[in-house]
């Protein structure tokens, strides 16, 4: 475990780990703007990020020397992090922004394709189905109304004959409650119109 070869590989691995940590930190900071609110979410993700990075670095160390910790290991990781900050930070950030723009463009194209090929046809189909259903409902109501008119026509004639035979006092009584019925009917119609306007 203490051979020069193992120590060299351990240092090289931890330098790469420090370099990776710099890249991961810049990536995390770039995307952290999307979860700054609420504050508890920011702290939770921050803690998870550092826990994950710790696990990754320890895994790298374990693959190099079975997880044996020495002081030079921290120095090597710090050296890799400093090398990233000095040599690659600017280039990586530019590359990251370029990749973000490419991925965003791909996502927009994919969303537009899904919208054109799936969402728009489904919306059109739903609109057609609803239009057909409304037409059928109106047709059924028209037919039912016509049938009811035919059925009720003899009763209308009978009522007209009975109405003519009623005394004047009975007619006045009916007129009194007919006015109340008309007022209630107008109120219901106004309520229905108000509900329709609210839905729009």
N, C-alpha and C. Protein backbone atom coordinates (compact mmCIF):
# COMPACT_ATOMS: atom_id res chain seq x y z
N UNK A 1 0.81 -1.20 0.00
CA UNK A 1 0.00 0.00 0.00
C UNK A 1 0.85 1.26 0.00
N UNK A 2 2.06 1.17 0.55
CA UNK A 2 2.90 2.35 0.67
C UNK A 2 3.94 2.44 -0.43
N UNK A 3 3.79 1.65 -1.46
CA UNK A 3 4.76 1.70 -2.56
C UNK A 3 4.63 3.03 -3.29
N UNK A 4 5.70 3.41 -3.97
CA UNK A 4 5.71 4.68 -4.70
C UNK A 4 4.67 4.69 -5.81
N UNK A 5 4.47 3.53 -6.42
CA UNK A 5 3.50 3.45 -7.51
C UNK A 5 2.09 3.76 -7.01
N UNK A 6 1.74 3.18 -5.84
CA UNK A 6 0.41 3.42 -5.27
C UNK A 6 0.27 4.88 -4.85
N UNK A 7 1.32 5.44 -4.23
CA UNK A 7 1.27 6.83 -3.82
C UNK A 7 1.13 7.77 -5.02
N UNK A 8 1.87 7.45 -6.09
CA UNK A 8 1.78 8.28 -7.30
C UNK A 8 0.37 8.21 -7.89
N UNK A 9 -0.20 7.03 -7.98
CA UNK A 9 -1.54 6.88 -8.53
C UNK A 9 -2.58 7.57 -7.65
N UNK A 10 -2.33 7.49 -6.32
CA UNK A 10 -3.26 8.15 -5.40
C UNK A 10 -3.22 9.66 -5.59
N UNK A 11 -2.01 10.23 -5.68
CA UNK A 11 -1.88 11.67 -5.89
C UNK A 11 -2.50 12.10 -7.22
N UNK A 12 -2.22 11.32 -8.26
CA UNK A 12 -2.77 11.65 -9.57
C UNK A 12 -4.30 11.58 -9.54
N UNK A 13 -4.83 10.57 -8.88
CA UNK A 13 -6.29 10.42 -8.79
C UNK A 13 -6.91 11.58 -8.03
N UNK A 14 -6.29 11.98 -6.92
CA UNK A 14 -6.85 13.07 -6.13
C UNK A 14 -6.69 14.42 -6.82
N UNK A 15 -5.61 14.59 -7.59
CA UNK A 15 -5.49 15.82 -8.40
C UNK A 15 -6.64 15.89 -9.39
N UNK A 16 -6.93 14.77 -10.04
CA UNK A 16 -8.08 14.72 -10.96
C UNK A 16 -9.38 14.94 -10.21
N UNK A 17 -9.45 14.40 -8.97
CA UNK A 17 -10.65 14.61 -8.16
C UNK A 17 -10.84 16.07 -7.81
N UNK A 18 -9.77 16.77 -7.45
CA UNK A 18 -9.86 18.20 -7.16
C UNK A 18 -10.25 19.00 -8.40
N UNK A 19 -9.69 18.59 -9.56
CA UNK A 19 -10.04 19.24 -10.82
C UNK A 19 -11.54 19.05 -11.11
N UNK A 20 -12.00 17.82 -10.91
CA UNK A 20 -13.42 17.52 -11.11
C UNK A 20 -14.29 18.32 -10.16
N UNK A 21 -13.84 18.46 -8.88
CA UNK A 21 -14.61 19.19 -7.90
C UNK A 21 -14.81 20.64 -8.32
N UNK A 22 -13.77 21.24 -8.91
CA UNK A 22 -13.91 22.61 -9.41
C UNK A 22 -14.97 22.70 -10.50
N UNK A 23 -14.96 21.73 -11.43
CA UNK A 23 -15.96 21.71 -12.49
C UNK A 23 -17.36 21.51 -11.93
N UNK A 24 -17.49 20.56 -10.99
CA UNK A 24 -18.79 20.29 -10.39
C UNK A 24 -19.32 21.50 -9.64
N UNK A 25 -18.43 22.21 -8.93
CA UNK A 25 -18.85 23.38 -8.16
C UNK A 25 -19.33 24.49 -9.08
N UNK A 26 -18.62 24.73 -10.18
CA UNK A 26 -19.06 25.77 -11.13
C UNK A 26 -20.38 25.38 -11.79
N UNK A 27 -20.54 24.10 -12.09
CA UNK A 27 -21.81 23.64 -12.67
C UNK A 27 -22.95 23.83 -11.68
N UNK A 28 -22.69 23.47 -10.42
CA UNK A 28 -23.71 23.62 -9.38
C UNK A 28 -24.08 25.09 -9.19
N UNK A 29 -23.08 25.97 -9.14
CA UNK A 29 -23.35 27.40 -8.96
C UNK A 29 -24.12 27.97 -10.15
N UNK A 30 -23.84 27.45 -11.34
CA UNK A 30 -24.54 27.95 -12.54
C UNK A 30 -26.03 27.63 -12.48
N UNK A 31 -26.38 26.46 -11.97
CA UNK A 31 -27.78 26.06 -11.94
C UNK A 31 -28.47 26.39 -10.63
N UNK A 32 -27.73 26.87 -9.63
CA UNK A 32 -28.34 27.14 -8.33
C UNK A 32 -29.33 28.30 -8.38
N UNK A 33 -29.29 29.11 -9.45
CA UNK A 33 -30.24 30.22 -9.57
C UNK A 33 -31.68 29.72 -9.69
N UNK A 34 -31.85 28.47 -10.06
CA UNK A 34 -33.18 27.93 -10.28
C UNK A 34 -33.82 27.39 -9.00
N UNK A 35 -33.06 27.30 -7.92
CA UNK A 35 -33.67 26.79 -6.68
C UNK A 35 -33.27 27.66 -5.49
N UNK A 36 -33.15 28.95 -5.68
CA UNK A 36 -32.83 29.85 -4.57
C UNK A 36 -34.03 30.12 -3.67
N UNK A 37 -35.21 29.89 -4.16
CA UNK A 37 -36.42 30.05 -3.38
C UNK A 37 -37.22 28.75 -3.46
N UNK A 38 -37.71 28.26 -2.35
CA UNK A 38 -37.52 28.73 -0.97
C UNK A 38 -36.13 28.43 -0.44
N UNK A 39 -35.80 29.11 0.68
CA UNK A 39 -34.44 29.00 1.23
C UNK A 39 -34.13 27.58 1.69
N UNK A 40 -35.12 26.90 2.26
CA UNK A 40 -34.89 25.53 2.75
C UNK A 40 -34.48 24.60 1.62
N UNK A 41 -35.03 24.84 0.42
CA UNK A 41 -34.66 24.00 -0.72
C UNK A 41 -33.21 24.26 -1.12
N UNK A 42 -32.79 25.53 -1.07
CA UNK A 42 -31.41 25.87 -1.39
C UNK A 42 -30.45 25.17 -0.43
N UNK A 43 -30.71 25.24 0.87
CA UNK A 43 -29.83 24.60 1.85
C UNK A 43 -29.83 23.08 1.71
N UNK A 44 -31.00 22.52 1.43
CA UNK A 44 -31.09 21.06 1.27
C UNK A 44 -30.26 20.58 0.09
N UNK A 45 -30.41 21.26 -1.04
CA UNK A 45 -29.66 20.86 -2.24
C UNK A 45 -28.16 21.10 -2.04
N UNK A 46 -27.83 22.18 -1.33
CA UNK A 46 -26.42 22.47 -1.05
C UNK A 46 -25.79 21.34 -0.24
N UNK A 47 -26.47 20.91 0.80
CA UNK A 47 -25.96 19.81 1.64
C UNK A 47 -25.84 18.53 0.83
N UNK A 48 -26.86 18.23 0.03
CA UNK A 48 -26.82 17.03 -0.80
C UNK A 48 -25.68 17.07 -1.80
N UNK A 49 -25.43 18.24 -2.36
CA UNK A 49 -24.33 18.39 -3.32
C UNK A 49 -23.00 18.03 -2.68
N UNK A 50 -22.72 18.60 -1.50
CA UNK A 50 -21.43 18.34 -0.86
C UNK A 50 -21.33 16.90 -0.36
N UNK A 51 -22.44 16.32 0.06
CA UNK A 51 -22.41 14.90 0.44
C UNK A 51 -22.07 14.02 -0.75
N UNK A 52 -22.67 14.33 -1.90
CA UNK A 52 -22.40 13.54 -3.11
C UNK A 52 -20.95 13.70 -3.54
N UNK A 53 -20.43 14.91 -3.48
CA UNK A 53 -19.03 15.13 -3.88
C UNK A 53 -18.07 14.40 -2.93
N UNK A 54 -18.42 14.40 -1.64
CA UNK A 54 -17.58 13.67 -0.68
C UNK A 54 -17.55 12.19 -0.99
N UNK A 55 -18.72 11.63 -1.31
CA UNK A 55 -18.80 10.21 -1.65
C UNK A 55 -17.99 9.92 -2.92
N UNK A 56 -18.08 10.79 -3.91
CA UNK A 56 -17.35 10.57 -5.17
C UNK A 56 -15.84 10.61 -4.93
N UNK A 57 -15.39 11.62 -4.17
CA UNK A 57 -13.95 11.73 -3.91
C UNK A 57 -13.45 10.54 -3.09
N UNK A 58 -14.25 10.11 -2.12
CA UNK A 58 -13.82 8.95 -1.33
C UNK A 58 -13.80 7.69 -2.19
N UNK A 59 -14.73 7.58 -3.13
CA UNK A 59 -14.72 6.43 -4.03
C UNK A 59 -13.46 6.44 -4.89
N UNK A 60 -13.08 7.63 -5.39
CA UNK A 60 -11.84 7.72 -6.16
C UNK A 60 -10.63 7.31 -5.31
N UNK A 61 -10.64 7.79 -4.06
CA UNK A 61 -9.54 7.43 -3.16
C UNK A 61 -9.54 5.93 -2.89
N UNK A 62 -10.70 5.35 -2.74
CA UNK A 62 -10.79 3.91 -2.46
C UNK A 62 -10.27 3.09 -3.64
N UNK A 63 -10.57 3.54 -4.85
CA UNK A 63 -10.07 2.81 -6.03
C UNK A 63 -8.56 2.94 -6.18
N UNK A 64 -8.00 4.03 -5.62
CA UNK A 64 -6.56 4.25 -5.77
C UNK A 64 -5.76 3.52 -4.70
N UNK A 65 -6.19 3.62 -3.43
CA UNK A 65 -5.39 3.00 -2.37
C UNK A 65 -6.24 2.35 -1.27
N UNK A 66 -7.43 1.88 -1.66
CA UNK A 66 -8.32 1.20 -0.72
C UNK A 66 -8.83 2.10 0.40
N UNK A 67 -8.87 3.43 0.15
CA UNK A 67 -9.43 4.37 1.12
C UNK A 67 -8.49 4.81 2.21
N UNK A 68 -7.19 4.60 2.03
CA UNK A 68 -6.22 5.02 3.05
C UNK A 68 -5.98 6.52 2.94
N UNK A 69 -6.18 7.23 4.07
CA UNK A 69 -6.10 8.70 4.06
C UNK A 69 -4.73 9.14 4.57
N UNK A 70 -4.09 10.05 3.79
CA UNK A 70 -2.81 10.67 4.16
C UNK A 70 -2.91 12.17 3.90
N UNK A 71 -2.04 12.93 4.51
CA UNK A 71 -2.07 14.38 4.37
C UNK A 71 -1.85 14.82 2.92
N UNK A 72 -0.96 14.10 2.21
CA UNK A 72 -0.68 14.50 0.83
C UNK A 72 -1.89 14.34 -0.08
N UNK A 73 -2.86 13.51 0.37
CA UNK A 73 -4.07 13.33 -0.42
C UNK A 73 -4.86 14.64 -0.48
N UNK A 74 -4.99 15.32 0.67
CA UNK A 74 -5.70 16.60 0.69
C UNK A 74 -4.93 17.64 -0.12
N UNK A 75 -3.60 17.61 -0.01
CA UNK A 75 -2.79 18.55 -0.77
C UNK A 75 -2.96 18.31 -2.27
N UNK A 76 -3.04 17.04 -2.69
CA UNK A 76 -3.21 16.73 -4.10
C UNK A 76 -4.58 17.19 -4.60
N UNK A 77 -5.64 16.97 -3.79
CA UNK A 77 -6.97 17.42 -4.17
C UNK A 77 -7.02 18.94 -4.28
N UNK A 78 -6.36 19.63 -3.32
CA UNK A 78 -6.30 21.09 -3.37
C UNK A 78 -5.52 21.57 -4.59
N UNK A 79 -4.46 20.84 -4.95
CA UNK A 79 -3.67 21.18 -6.13
C UNK A 79 -4.52 21.05 -7.40
N UNK A 80 -5.29 19.97 -7.50
CA UNK A 80 -6.16 19.79 -8.66
C UNK A 80 -7.23 20.88 -8.75
N UNK A 81 -7.80 21.27 -7.60
CA UNK A 81 -8.80 22.32 -7.57
C UNK A 81 -8.18 23.65 -7.99
N UNK A 82 -6.96 23.94 -7.47
CA UNK A 82 -6.28 25.18 -7.83
C UNK A 82 -5.91 25.20 -9.32
N UNK A 83 -5.50 24.04 -9.85
CA UNK A 83 -5.17 23.95 -11.27
C UNK A 83 -6.40 24.25 -12.13
N UNK A 84 -7.51 23.75 -11.71
CA UNK A 84 -8.75 24.04 -12.46
C UNK A 84 -9.05 25.54 -12.42
N UNK A 85 -8.97 26.13 -11.22
CA UNK A 85 -9.27 27.55 -11.08
C UNK A 85 -8.34 28.41 -11.93
N UNK A 86 -7.09 28.02 -12.02
CA UNK A 86 -6.10 28.83 -12.73
C UNK A 86 -6.10 28.58 -14.24
N UNK A 87 -6.34 27.34 -14.66
CA UNK A 87 -6.12 26.97 -16.06
C UNK A 87 -7.40 26.73 -16.86
N UNK A 88 -8.43 26.21 -16.22
CA UNK A 88 -9.57 25.73 -17.01
C UNK A 88 -10.91 26.35 -16.65
N UNK A 89 -10.96 27.15 -15.62
CA UNK A 89 -12.24 27.66 -15.15
C UNK A 89 -12.97 28.48 -16.22
N UNK A 90 -12.26 29.42 -16.84
CA UNK A 90 -12.88 30.28 -17.84
C UNK A 90 -13.36 29.47 -19.05
N UNK A 91 -12.49 28.57 -19.51
CA UNK A 91 -12.84 27.75 -20.68
C UNK A 91 -14.03 26.85 -20.37
N UNK A 92 -14.02 26.26 -19.18
CA UNK A 92 -15.12 25.35 -18.82
C UNK A 92 -16.44 26.11 -18.72
N UNK A 93 -16.40 27.30 -18.14
CA UNK A 93 -17.64 28.07 -18.03
C UNK A 93 -18.20 28.42 -19.41
N UNK A 94 -17.31 28.81 -20.32
CA UNK A 94 -17.77 29.10 -21.69
C UNK A 94 -18.35 27.85 -22.34
N UNK A 95 -17.66 26.72 -22.16
CA UNK A 95 -18.15 25.46 -22.72
C UNK A 95 -19.49 25.08 -22.10
N UNK A 96 -19.64 25.30 -20.79
CA UNK A 96 -20.88 24.98 -20.10
C UNK A 96 -22.04 25.81 -20.65
N UNK A 97 -21.81 27.11 -20.85
CA UNK A 97 -22.86 27.97 -21.41
C UNK A 97 -23.22 27.54 -22.82
N UNK A 98 -22.21 27.15 -23.59
CA UNK A 98 -22.46 26.67 -24.95
C UNK A 98 -23.31 25.40 -24.93
N UNK A 99 -22.97 24.47 -24.05
CA UNK A 99 -23.75 23.23 -23.93
C UNK A 99 -25.18 23.50 -23.46
N UNK A 100 -25.34 24.46 -22.54
CA UNK A 100 -26.67 24.81 -22.05
C UNK A 100 -27.52 25.35 -23.19
N UNK A 101 -26.91 26.22 -24.03
CA UNK A 101 -27.66 26.77 -25.17
C UNK A 101 -28.06 25.67 -26.15
N UNK A 102 -27.14 24.74 -26.41
CA UNK A 102 -27.45 23.65 -27.33
C UNK A 102 -28.57 22.77 -26.78
N UNK A 103 -28.45 22.39 -25.50
CA UNK A 103 -29.47 21.53 -24.88
C UNK A 103 -30.82 22.25 -24.83
N UNK A 104 -30.80 23.55 -24.52
CA UNK A 104 -32.05 24.32 -24.48
C UNK A 104 -32.70 24.35 -25.86
N UNK A 105 -31.88 24.54 -26.91
CA UNK A 105 -32.42 24.56 -28.28
C UNK A 105 -33.02 23.20 -28.64
N UNK A 106 -32.32 22.13 -28.26
CA UNK A 106 -32.84 20.78 -28.53
C UNK A 106 -34.16 20.55 -27.81
N UNK A 107 -34.24 20.99 -26.55
CA UNK A 107 -35.48 20.82 -25.78
C UNK A 107 -36.61 21.61 -26.41
N UNK A 108 -36.32 22.86 -26.87
CA UNK A 108 -37.36 23.66 -27.51
C UNK A 108 -37.87 23.00 -28.78
N UNK A 109 -36.93 22.46 -29.58
CA UNK A 109 -37.34 21.76 -30.81
C UNK A 109 -38.20 20.55 -30.46
N UNK A 110 -37.77 19.79 -29.45
CA UNK A 110 -38.53 18.60 -29.05
C UNK A 110 -39.93 18.98 -28.56
N UNK A 111 -40.02 20.05 -27.76
CA UNK A 111 -41.31 20.50 -27.24
C UNK A 111 -42.22 20.94 -28.39
N UNK A 112 -41.65 21.66 -29.38
CA UNK A 112 -42.44 22.10 -30.52
C UNK A 112 -42.92 20.91 -31.35
N UNK A 113 -42.05 19.90 -31.51
CA UNK A 113 -42.44 18.71 -32.25
C UNK A 113 -43.58 17.99 -31.55
N UNK A 114 -43.45 17.83 -30.22
CA UNK A 114 -44.52 17.18 -29.44
C UNK A 114 -45.81 17.98 -29.53
N UNK A 115 -45.68 19.31 -29.46
CA UNK A 115 -46.88 20.15 -29.52
C UNK A 115 -47.56 20.03 -30.89
N UNK A 116 -46.75 20.05 -31.97
CA UNK A 116 -47.32 20.01 -33.31
C UNK A 116 -47.88 18.63 -33.65
N UNK A 117 -47.13 17.57 -33.28
CA UNK A 117 -47.52 16.22 -33.69
C UNK A 117 -48.49 15.54 -32.74
N UNK A 118 -48.53 15.98 -31.46
CA UNK A 118 -49.36 15.28 -30.48
C UNK A 118 -50.42 16.20 -29.87
N UNK A 119 -49.98 17.31 -29.27
CA UNK A 119 -50.91 18.14 -28.51
C UNK A 119 -51.94 18.81 -29.42
N UNK A 120 -51.45 19.44 -30.52
CA UNK A 120 -52.38 20.14 -31.42
C UNK A 120 -53.41 19.18 -32.02
N UNK A 121 -52.98 18.00 -32.56
CA UNK A 121 -54.00 17.07 -33.07
C UNK A 121 -55.00 16.60 -32.01
N UNK A 122 -54.50 16.36 -30.78
CA UNK A 122 -55.41 15.93 -29.71
C UNK A 122 -56.42 17.04 -29.39
N UNK A 123 -55.93 18.29 -29.33
CA UNK A 123 -56.84 19.41 -29.08
C UNK A 123 -57.88 19.52 -30.19
N UNK A 124 -57.41 19.37 -31.47
CA UNK A 124 -58.34 19.42 -32.58
C UNK A 124 -59.38 18.32 -32.52
N UNK A 125 -58.92 17.11 -32.16
CA UNK A 125 -59.84 15.97 -32.05
C UNK A 125 -60.86 16.19 -30.95
N UNK A 126 -60.39 16.71 -29.81
CA UNK A 126 -61.31 16.99 -28.69
C UNK A 126 -62.34 18.04 -29.10
N UNK A 127 -61.87 19.09 -29.83
CA UNK A 127 -62.78 20.14 -30.28
C UNK A 127 -63.85 19.57 -31.20
N UNK A 128 -63.42 18.69 -32.15
CA UNK A 128 -64.37 18.08 -33.08
C UNK A 128 -65.37 17.20 -32.34
N UNK A 129 -64.88 16.38 -31.40
CA UNK A 129 -65.76 15.50 -30.63
C UNK A 129 -66.78 16.31 -29.84
N UNK A 130 -66.31 17.39 -29.19
CA UNK A 130 -67.23 18.23 -28.41
C UNK A 130 -68.27 18.89 -29.32
N UNK A 131 -67.82 19.35 -30.50
CA UNK A 131 -68.76 19.98 -31.44
C UNK A 131 -69.82 18.98 -31.89
N UNK A 132 -69.39 17.74 -32.19
CA UNK A 132 -70.34 16.71 -32.61
C UNK A 132 -71.32 16.38 -31.48
N UNK A 133 -70.80 16.28 -30.26
CA UNK A 133 -71.66 15.98 -29.11
C UNK A 133 -72.69 17.09 -28.89
N UNK A 134 -72.23 18.35 -28.98
CA UNK A 134 -73.16 19.46 -28.81
C UNK A 134 -74.23 19.46 -29.90
N UNK A 135 -73.79 19.15 -31.14
CA UNK A 135 -74.76 19.08 -32.24
C UNK A 135 -75.80 17.99 -31.99
N UNK A 136 -75.31 16.82 -31.54
CA UNK A 136 -76.23 15.71 -31.26
C UNK A 136 -77.18 16.05 -30.12
N UNK A 137 -76.66 16.69 -29.09
CA UNK A 137 -77.51 17.07 -27.96
C UNK A 137 -78.58 18.05 -28.40
N UNK A 138 -78.16 19.06 -29.21
CA UNK A 138 -79.14 20.03 -29.70
C UNK A 138 -80.18 19.36 -30.58
N UNK A 139 -79.72 18.43 -31.44
CA UNK A 139 -80.67 17.72 -32.31
C UNK A 139 -81.65 16.90 -31.49
N UNK A 140 -81.15 16.18 -30.48
CA UNK A 140 -82.03 15.37 -29.62
C UNK A 140 -83.02 16.27 -28.89
N UNK A 141 -82.54 17.39 -28.34
CA UNK A 141 -83.43 18.30 -27.63
C UNK A 141 -84.49 18.87 -28.56
N UNK A 142 -84.09 19.18 -29.80
CA UNK A 142 -85.07 19.70 -30.77
C UNK A 142 -86.15 18.66 -31.07
N UNK A 143 -85.71 17.41 -31.30
CA UNK A 143 -86.67 16.34 -31.59
C UNK A 143 -87.59 16.09 -30.40
N UNK A 144 -86.99 16.03 -29.20
CA UNK A 144 -87.80 15.82 -27.99
C UNK A 144 -88.80 16.95 -27.80
N UNK A 145 -88.31 18.19 -28.03
CA UNK A 145 -89.23 19.33 -27.90
C UNK A 145 -90.39 19.26 -28.88
N UNK A 146 -90.06 18.87 -30.11
CA UNK A 146 -91.12 18.73 -31.12
C UNK A 146 -92.13 17.66 -30.73
N UNK A 147 -91.62 16.51 -30.26
CA UNK A 147 -92.51 15.42 -29.83
C UNK A 147 -93.38 15.86 -28.66
N UNK A 148 -92.76 16.59 -27.71
CA UNK A 148 -93.53 17.06 -26.55
C UNK A 148 -94.62 18.03 -26.97
N UNK A 149 -94.30 18.88 -27.95
CA UNK A 149 -95.32 19.81 -28.44
C UNK A 149 -96.51 19.05 -29.02
N UNK A 150 -96.21 17.99 -29.80
CA UNK A 150 -97.29 17.19 -30.39
C UNK A 150 -98.11 16.50 -29.29
N UNK A 151 -97.39 15.94 -28.30
CA UNK A 151 -98.08 15.24 -27.22
C UNK A 151 -98.94 16.19 -26.39
N UNK A 152 -98.38 17.39 -26.12
CA UNK A 152 -99.08 18.34 -25.25
C UNK A 152 -100.13 19.17 -25.97
N UNK A 153 -100.17 19.08 -27.31
CA UNK A 153 -101.12 19.90 -28.05
C UNK A 153 -102.58 19.62 -27.66
N UNK A 154 -103.00 18.34 -27.53
CA UNK A 154 -104.40 18.10 -27.09
C UNK A 154 -104.68 18.66 -25.71
N UNK A 155 -103.68 18.56 -24.80
CA UNK A 155 -103.86 19.12 -23.46
C UNK A 155 -103.98 20.64 -23.52
N UNK A 156 -103.26 21.26 -24.47
CA UNK A 156 -103.34 22.71 -24.64
C UNK A 156 -104.75 23.12 -25.08
N UNK A 157 -105.33 22.32 -26.00
CA UNK A 157 -106.68 22.61 -26.45
C UNK A 157 -107.69 22.44 -25.31
N UNK A 158 -107.50 21.35 -24.55
CA UNK A 158 -108.40 21.10 -23.41
C UNK A 158 -108.30 22.24 -22.40
N UNK A 159 -107.05 22.68 -22.13
CA UNK A 159 -106.84 23.76 -21.17
C UNK A 159 -107.50 25.05 -21.66
N UNK A 160 -107.42 25.31 -22.96
CA UNK A 160 -108.05 26.52 -23.51
C UNK A 160 -109.56 26.48 -23.31
N UNK A 161 -110.15 25.29 -23.53
CA UNK A 161 -111.59 25.16 -23.35
C UNK A 161 -111.96 25.35 -21.87
N UNK A 162 -111.18 24.69 -20.99
CA UNK A 162 -111.43 24.81 -19.54
C UNK A 162 -111.26 26.25 -19.09
N UNK A 163 -110.27 26.94 -19.64
CA UNK A 163 -109.99 28.34 -19.25
C UNK A 163 -111.19 29.23 -19.60
N UNK A 164 -111.79 28.99 -20.74
CA UNK A 164 -112.93 29.80 -21.13
C UNK A 164 -114.12 29.55 -20.21
N UNK A 165 -114.22 28.33 -19.68
CA UNK A 165 -115.34 27.99 -18.82
C UNK A 165 -115.15 28.43 -17.37
N UNK A 166 -113.91 28.80 -16.98
CA UNK A 166 -113.64 29.18 -15.59
C UNK A 166 -114.29 30.51 -15.27
N UNK A 167 -114.76 30.69 -14.01
CA UNK A 167 -115.30 32.00 -13.60
C UNK A 167 -114.17 33.04 -13.50
N UNK A 168 -114.58 34.31 -13.48
CA UNK A 168 -113.61 35.41 -13.50
C UNK A 168 -112.72 35.41 -12.26
N UNK A 169 -113.28 35.04 -11.10
CA UNK A 169 -112.50 35.04 -9.85
C UNK A 169 -111.37 34.01 -9.92
N UNK A 170 -111.63 32.86 -10.51
CA UNK A 170 -110.60 31.83 -10.65
C UNK A 170 -109.51 32.28 -11.61
N UNK A 171 -109.93 32.99 -12.67
CA UNK A 171 -108.93 33.50 -13.62
C UNK A 171 -108.03 34.54 -12.96
N UNK A 172 -108.61 35.42 -12.13
CA UNK A 172 -107.80 36.42 -11.42
C UNK A 172 -106.79 35.75 -10.49
N UNK A 173 -107.20 34.70 -9.81
CA UNK A 173 -106.30 33.96 -8.92
C UNK A 173 -105.12 33.38 -9.69
N UNK A 174 -105.42 32.80 -10.86
CA UNK A 174 -104.36 32.22 -11.69
C UNK A 174 -103.41 33.29 -12.19
N UNK A 175 -103.97 34.46 -12.61
CA UNK A 175 -103.13 35.57 -13.09
C UNK A 175 -102.18 36.07 -12.01
N UNK A 176 -102.66 36.06 -10.77
CA UNK A 176 -101.83 36.53 -9.66
C UNK A 176 -100.58 35.67 -9.52
N UNK A 177 -100.73 34.37 -9.52
CA UNK A 177 -99.59 33.47 -9.38
C UNK A 177 -98.79 33.33 -10.66
N UNK A 178 -99.44 33.65 -11.79
CA UNK A 178 -98.69 33.64 -13.06
C UNK A 178 -97.64 34.74 -13.07
N UNK A 179 -97.96 35.89 -12.48
CA UNK A 179 -96.98 36.98 -12.38
C UNK A 179 -95.80 36.58 -11.51
N UNK A 180 -96.07 35.88 -10.40
CA UNK A 180 -94.99 35.39 -9.53
C UNK A 180 -94.10 34.41 -10.28
N UNK A 181 -94.71 33.52 -11.05
CA UNK A 181 -93.95 32.55 -11.86
C UNK A 181 -93.06 33.25 -12.88
N UNK A 182 -93.61 34.31 -13.54
CA UNK A 182 -92.82 35.05 -14.52
C UNK A 182 -91.61 35.72 -13.88
N UNK A 183 -91.80 36.27 -12.67
CA UNK A 183 -90.68 36.91 -11.96
C UNK A 183 -89.59 35.90 -11.62
N UNK A 184 -89.99 34.72 -11.15
CA UNK A 184 -89.01 33.67 -10.84
C UNK A 184 -88.30 33.19 -12.10
N UNK A 185 -89.05 33.09 -13.20
CA UNK A 185 -88.45 32.65 -14.45
C UNK A 185 -87.40 33.65 -14.94
N UNK A 186 -87.72 34.95 -14.88
CA UNK A 186 -86.77 35.98 -15.30
C UNK A 186 -85.52 35.96 -14.41
N UNK A 187 -85.69 35.74 -13.11
CA UNK A 187 -84.54 35.67 -12.20
C UNK A 187 -83.63 34.51 -12.56
N UNK A 188 -84.22 33.36 -12.87
CA UNK A 188 -83.43 32.18 -13.25
C UNK A 188 -82.67 32.44 -14.55
N UNK A 189 -83.32 33.08 -15.51
CA UNK A 189 -82.66 33.38 -16.79
C UNK A 189 -81.49 34.32 -16.57
N UNK A 190 -81.66 35.33 -15.73
CA UNK A 190 -80.57 36.26 -15.43
C UNK A 190 -79.39 35.54 -14.76
N UNK A 191 -79.68 34.63 -13.84
CA UNK A 191 -78.62 33.87 -13.17
C UNK A 191 -77.85 33.01 -14.16
N UNK A 192 -78.57 32.36 -15.08
CA UNK A 192 -77.90 31.53 -16.10
C UNK A 192 -77.02 32.37 -17.00
N UNK A 193 -77.49 33.56 -17.40
CA UNK A 193 -76.68 34.45 -18.24
C UNK A 193 -75.43 34.91 -17.50
N UNK A 194 -75.58 35.21 -16.20
CA UNK A 194 -74.43 35.65 -15.39
C UNK A 194 -73.39 34.55 -15.28
N UNK A 195 -73.84 33.29 -15.09
CA UNK A 195 -72.92 32.14 -15.00
C UNK A 195 -72.18 31.94 -16.30
N UNK A 196 -72.88 32.07 -17.43
CA UNK A 196 -72.23 31.92 -18.75
C UNK A 196 -71.16 32.99 -18.95
N UNK A 197 -71.46 34.24 -18.55
CA UNK A 197 -70.48 35.32 -18.70
C UNK A 197 -69.26 35.07 -17.83
N UNK A 198 -69.45 34.55 -16.61
CA UNK A 198 -68.33 34.25 -15.73
C UNK A 198 -67.43 33.15 -16.30
N UNK A 199 -68.02 32.16 -16.95
CA UNK A 199 -67.22 31.07 -17.56
C UNK A 199 -66.34 31.60 -18.67
N UNK A 200 -66.81 32.61 -19.39
CA UNK A 200 -65.99 33.18 -20.48
C UNK A 200 -64.81 33.98 -19.93
